[in-house]
Protein backbone atom coordinates (compact mmCIF):
# COMPACT_ATOMS: atom_id res chain seq x y z
CA MET A 1 -46.94 -17.51 136.04
CA LEU A 2 -45.59 -20.02 138.55
CA PHE A 3 -48.19 -22.66 137.82
CA SER A 4 -49.63 -23.36 134.41
CA ARG A 5 -53.21 -24.39 135.27
CA TRP A 6 -53.81 -23.92 138.94
CA SER A 7 -54.05 -20.45 140.39
CA VAL A 8 -51.75 -19.68 143.31
CA VAL A 9 -54.81 -19.43 145.56
CA GLY A 10 -56.12 -22.77 144.31
CA ILE A 11 -52.89 -24.67 144.73
CA LEU A 12 -52.52 -23.35 148.28
CA SER A 13 -56.02 -24.49 149.12
CA MET A 14 -57.88 -27.48 147.77
CA GLU A 15 -55.20 -29.21 145.69
CA ILE A 16 -52.42 -28.81 148.25
CA GLN A 17 -54.69 -29.81 151.12
CA ASN A 18 -55.74 -32.92 149.18
CA LEU A 19 -52.11 -33.83 148.64
CA ILE A 20 -51.29 -33.26 152.31
CA CYS A 21 -54.20 -35.50 153.30
CA ALA A 22 -52.95 -38.20 150.92
CA ILE A 23 -49.42 -37.98 152.35
CA ARG A 24 -50.78 -38.18 155.90
CA GLU A 25 -52.86 -41.21 155.05
CA SER A 26 -49.93 -42.95 153.39
CA VAL A 27 -47.63 -42.22 156.34
CA ARG A 28 -50.21 -43.52 158.83
CA ASP A 29 -50.72 -46.68 156.78
CA THR A 30 -46.97 -47.21 156.57
CA ILE A 31 -46.43 -46.70 160.31
CA GLY A 32 -49.37 -48.84 161.39
CA SER A 33 -49.18 -49.56 165.12
CA GLN A 34 -45.51 -48.62 165.54
CA LYS A 35 -45.05 -46.31 168.51
CA ALA A 36 -41.59 -45.17 167.40
CA VAL A 37 -40.02 -44.99 163.95
CA ALA A 38 -36.70 -44.03 162.42
CA VAL A 39 -36.42 -41.64 159.48
CA ALA A 40 -33.42 -41.66 157.14
CA TYR A 41 -32.96 -37.90 157.21
CA SER A 42 -30.89 -35.42 155.23
CA GLY A 43 -32.89 -32.29 155.97
CA GLY A 44 -33.93 -32.16 152.34
CA LEU A 45 -37.49 -31.80 151.13
CA ASP A 46 -38.52 -35.46 151.02
CA SER A 47 -37.17 -36.66 154.36
CA SER A 48 -38.30 -33.55 156.22
CA VAL A 49 -41.88 -33.96 154.98
CA VAL A 50 -41.86 -37.63 156.00
CA ALA A 51 -40.41 -36.80 159.43
CA ARG A 52 -42.90 -33.97 160.09
CA VAL A 53 -45.96 -35.99 159.10
CA ALA A 54 -44.77 -39.16 160.86
CA GLY A 55 -44.35 -37.11 164.03
CA GLU A 56 -48.10 -36.49 164.06
CA SER A 57 -48.81 -40.14 164.93
CA SER A 58 -45.57 -41.65 166.26
CA GLU A 59 -42.35 -40.83 168.07
CA VAL A 60 -39.74 -40.04 165.42
CA VAL A 61 -35.97 -40.26 165.59
CA CYS A 62 -34.15 -38.91 162.54
CA TYR A 63 -30.82 -40.46 161.57
CA THR A 64 -28.27 -38.90 159.24
CA ALA A 65 -25.34 -40.97 157.96
CA ALA A 66 -22.48 -38.86 156.62
CA PHE A 67 -18.74 -38.45 156.40
CA PRO A 68 -17.06 -35.68 158.41
CA GLY A 69 -16.96 -32.48 156.39
CA SER A 70 -19.75 -33.52 154.02
CA HIS A 71 -22.78 -31.34 153.31
CA ASP A 72 -25.09 -33.52 155.40
CA HIS A 73 -22.67 -33.57 158.31
CA GLY A 74 -22.55 -29.80 158.32
CA SER A 75 -26.22 -29.06 157.75
CA ALA A 76 -28.43 -31.89 159.06
CA VAL A 77 -28.10 -30.84 162.71
CA ARG A 78 -29.06 -27.27 161.85
CA PHE A 79 -31.97 -28.39 159.69
CA ALA A 80 -33.27 -30.73 162.39
CA GLU A 81 -33.10 -27.96 164.98
CA GLU A 82 -35.03 -25.63 162.67
CA GLU A 83 -37.74 -28.25 162.26
CA GLY A 84 -37.83 -29.47 165.87
CA ALA A 85 -36.71 -32.97 164.92
CA ALA A 86 -34.74 -35.31 167.16
CA LEU A 87 -31.56 -36.21 165.28
CA GLU A 88 -28.82 -38.78 165.71
CA MET A 89 -25.73 -38.48 163.50
CA ILE A 90 -24.11 -41.66 162.21
CA MET A 91 -20.51 -40.87 161.36
CA LEU A 92 -19.12 -42.84 158.45
CA ASP A 93 -15.46 -43.76 158.02
CA ALA A 94 -13.35 -45.89 155.69
CA GLU A 95 -13.93 -49.08 157.67
CA ASN A 96 -17.69 -48.97 157.85
CA LEU A 97 -17.85 -47.65 154.28
CA GLU A 98 -16.40 -50.90 152.93
CA HIS A 99 -18.86 -52.93 155.01
CA LEU A 100 -21.83 -50.80 153.92
CA VAL A 101 -20.81 -50.90 150.25
CA ILE A 102 -20.79 -54.69 150.44
CA GLU A 103 -24.16 -54.77 152.20
CA ALA A 104 -25.75 -52.28 149.80
CA GLY A 105 -24.42 -54.14 146.76
CA ARG A 106 -25.74 -57.43 148.06
CA ALA A 107 -29.10 -55.91 148.90
CA LEU A 108 -29.46 -54.38 145.43
CA ARG A 109 -27.80 -57.34 143.70
CA SER A 110 -25.77 -54.79 141.81
CA ALA A 111 -22.19 -53.60 141.49
CA ASP A 112 -23.27 -50.22 140.07
CA PRO A 113 -21.28 -47.73 142.19
CA ILE A 114 -23.84 -44.94 141.81
CA ARG A 115 -26.76 -47.07 142.96
CA ILE A 116 -24.66 -48.39 145.82
CA SER A 117 -23.47 -44.92 146.86
CA TYR A 118 -26.97 -43.50 147.31
CA THR A 119 -28.06 -46.66 149.14
CA VAL A 120 -25.18 -46.69 151.66
CA PRO A 121 -26.71 -43.97 153.90
CA ILE A 122 -29.99 -45.88 154.12
CA MET A 123 -28.17 -49.14 154.85
CA SER A 124 -26.32 -47.34 157.62
CA VAL A 125 -29.58 -46.18 159.18
CA ILE A 126 -31.07 -49.67 158.89
CA GLU A 127 -28.11 -51.09 160.77
CA ALA A 128 -27.73 -48.34 163.38
CA SER A 129 -31.31 -47.41 164.26
CA ARG A 130 -33.00 -48.81 167.34
CA GLU A 131 -36.47 -48.63 165.82
CA ASP A 132 -37.96 -51.53 163.87
CA LEU A 133 -39.32 -49.36 161.05
CA VAL A 134 -37.12 -47.06 158.96
CA LEU A 135 -39.01 -44.49 156.89
CA VAL A 136 -37.44 -43.11 153.73
CA GLY A 137 -38.34 -40.38 151.26
CA SER A 138 -37.78 -42.60 148.24
CA GLY A 139 -40.30 -42.18 145.43
CA ALA A 140 -40.83 -38.44 145.82
CA ASP A 141 -38.33 -37.47 143.12
CA GLU A 142 -39.99 -39.82 140.66
CA LEU A 143 -43.56 -38.77 141.53
CA PHE A 144 -42.98 -35.03 141.63
CA GLY A 145 -40.12 -34.48 139.18
CA GLY A 146 -37.08 -34.06 141.40
CA TYR A 147 -34.27 -35.07 139.06
CA SER A 148 -32.51 -32.41 136.99
CA LYS A 149 -32.82 -34.49 133.83
CA TYR A 150 -36.58 -33.94 133.86
CA SER A 151 -36.09 -30.20 133.29
CA SER A 152 -34.57 -30.84 129.87
CA MET A 153 -37.47 -32.99 128.67
CA ALA A 154 -40.49 -31.61 126.84
CA ASP A 155 -42.65 -34.09 128.76
CA PRO A 156 -40.85 -36.18 131.41
CA THR A 157 -43.96 -38.19 132.35
CA ASN A 158 -42.79 -41.46 130.79
CA ALA A 159 -39.30 -41.10 132.26
CA MET A 160 -40.76 -40.40 135.69
CA THR A 161 -43.00 -43.45 135.47
CA ALA A 162 -40.09 -45.70 134.46
CA ASP A 163 -37.92 -44.28 137.24
CA PHE A 164 -40.70 -44.84 139.77
CA GLU A 165 -40.92 -48.51 138.84
CA LYS A 166 -37.15 -48.83 139.31
CA ALA A 167 -37.45 -47.14 142.70
CA LEU A 168 -40.16 -49.59 143.76
CA HIS A 169 -37.91 -52.50 142.78
CA GLU A 170 -34.99 -51.11 144.77
CA LEU A 171 -37.23 -50.47 147.77
CA SER A 172 -38.45 -54.05 147.75
CA MET A 173 -34.86 -55.31 147.79
CA LEU A 174 -33.91 -52.89 150.58
CA ASP A 175 -36.89 -53.99 152.63
CA ALA A 176 -35.91 -57.62 152.15
CA ALA A 177 -32.40 -56.82 153.40
CA ALA A 178 -33.82 -54.93 156.36
CA ARG A 179 -36.05 -57.85 157.33
CA THR A 180 -33.00 -60.10 157.69
CA ARG A 181 -32.00 -57.69 160.47
CA GLY A 182 -35.43 -57.64 162.10
CA LYS A 183 -36.29 -54.26 160.56
CA ARG A 184 -38.59 -52.92 157.85
CA VAL A 185 -38.23 -50.12 155.32
CA GLY A 186 -41.29 -47.96 154.77
CA ALA A 187 -41.66 -45.55 151.87
CA PRO A 188 -44.84 -43.44 152.16
CA PHE A 189 -44.24 -41.74 148.79
CA ALA A 190 -44.26 -45.14 147.09
CA SER A 191 -47.81 -46.06 148.10
CA SER A 192 -50.32 -46.77 145.34
CA SER A 193 -52.85 -44.33 146.82
CA LEU A 194 -50.40 -41.43 146.87
CA ARG A 195 -49.19 -42.33 143.41
CA GLU A 196 -52.75 -42.06 142.14
CA ILE A 197 -53.07 -38.55 143.58
CA ALA A 198 -49.69 -37.52 142.17
CA ASP A 199 -50.53 -38.88 138.72
CA GLY A 200 -53.51 -36.54 138.62
CA ILE A 201 -51.33 -33.44 139.06
CA PRO A 202 -50.37 -31.75 135.77
CA ILE A 203 -46.72 -32.24 134.87
CA ALA A 204 -46.24 -28.47 134.52
CA ASP A 205 -47.10 -28.11 138.20
CA LYS A 206 -44.35 -30.55 139.12
CA VAL A 207 -41.60 -29.41 136.75
CA SER A 208 -41.41 -25.99 135.13
CA GLY A 209 -38.09 -24.97 133.64
CA GLU A 210 -35.46 -25.36 136.34
CA ARG A 211 -38.08 -25.52 139.08
CA ARG A 212 -38.74 -29.06 140.25
CA LYS A 213 -41.07 -30.72 142.76
CA ILE A 214 -43.08 -27.51 142.77
CA VAL A 215 -46.20 -29.06 144.31
CA LEU A 216 -44.29 -30.89 147.03
CA ARG A 217 -42.47 -27.69 147.94
CA GLU A 218 -45.84 -26.03 148.47
CA VAL A 219 -46.78 -28.94 150.75
CA ALA A 220 -43.63 -28.39 152.81
CA LYS A 221 -44.41 -24.67 153.02
CA GLU A 222 -47.91 -25.43 154.28
CA LEU A 223 -46.42 -27.77 156.88
CA GLY A 224 -44.15 -24.98 158.08
CA LEU A 225 -40.94 -26.62 156.88
CA ALA A 226 -37.94 -24.56 155.81
CA SER A 227 -37.03 -27.38 153.43
CA HIS A 228 -39.52 -26.00 150.92
CA SER A 229 -36.79 -23.70 149.62
CA ARG A 230 -33.76 -26.00 149.97
CA PRO A 231 -32.15 -27.16 146.72
CA LYS A 232 -32.05 -30.87 146.03
CA LYS A 233 -28.77 -32.60 146.84
CA ALA A 234 -28.41 -36.25 145.84
CA ALA A 235 -27.59 -38.48 148.81
CA GLN A 236 -24.46 -39.96 147.22
CA TYR A 237 -22.95 -36.46 147.07
CA SER A 238 -24.41 -34.78 150.16
CA SER A 239 -23.37 -37.65 152.46
CA GLY A 240 -19.83 -37.72 151.06
CA VAL A 241 -20.18 -41.42 150.23
CA LEU A 242 -19.39 -41.24 146.52
CA LYS A 243 -16.40 -38.97 147.17
CA GLU A 244 -14.97 -41.45 149.68
CA MET A 245 -15.63 -44.40 147.39
CA ARG A 246 -13.69 -42.64 144.66
CA ARG A 247 -10.89 -41.83 147.09
CA ALA A 248 -10.67 -45.48 148.16
CA ALA A 249 -10.54 -46.54 144.52
CA ARG A 250 -7.66 -44.13 143.81
CA VAL A 251 -5.75 -45.42 146.83
CA GLY A 252 -6.27 -48.94 145.51
CA GLY A 253 -5.02 -47.95 142.08
CA VAL A 254 -8.23 -48.91 140.28
CA ASP A 255 -11.25 -47.14 138.87
CA LEU A 256 -14.47 -46.86 140.86
CA SER A 257 -16.27 -49.72 139.14
CA ALA A 258 -13.34 -52.08 139.63
CA TRP A 259 -13.05 -51.11 143.30
CA THR A 260 -16.76 -51.71 143.88
CA GLU A 261 -16.61 -55.09 142.19
CA LYS A 262 -13.61 -56.00 144.33
CA MET A 263 -15.54 -55.09 147.49
CA LEU A 264 -18.43 -57.30 146.47
CA ARG A 265 -16.14 -60.28 145.85
CA GLN A 266 -15.04 -60.23 149.49
């Protein structure tokens, strides 16, 4: 059986429709009166759901920040075309990488290279987008069991809750950084109302063996998004950012942590 408690018919009807309604409400509340919004977009499950639902009430421009040759550079245009999304590609290079690493580290108040590497693409969108509000898919992995580590846990509920609180903290710092640039960061999946709905979904219907974010994938399928079947790819890898950070560290003759700390001392 794919789902432990809900029948396939049930999950494609009442429960899924309730979750879609909750996502729509959260997106509308996040957008408010904004006529146009930016979406930090990879073509993955979370950002494609946000972009599709946001497009129901606002003009949406998707932005993908990636290095040439990276997964996102090669696939985001195709994914956006499949989903009818307007996309602008932000090409990263060594020069703007150093700047964005510094900005991400300062925003997070951290020299952790992993945290910085998955934040760099969002910082790039904050800086490059014309819109005042940047929507992100942050919070979905924590609410619906997106990380691979959850598959190895008998019950990942506590880990997911702790990770969600960390995500909220990072989002608040990112939003503060965005506001210094006259922008805002909005995270519909991080709303308290959506969290309440997600908390009521059995863990087995979020994570089952190697299958993760099961419920959210059904939402994407109902919304007509091809992303429902796309595997998760962490932003630090799919954008090529972590690879380029490691390359820069090797060129500098230091390890990644030392290189990151050096950047932040500048």
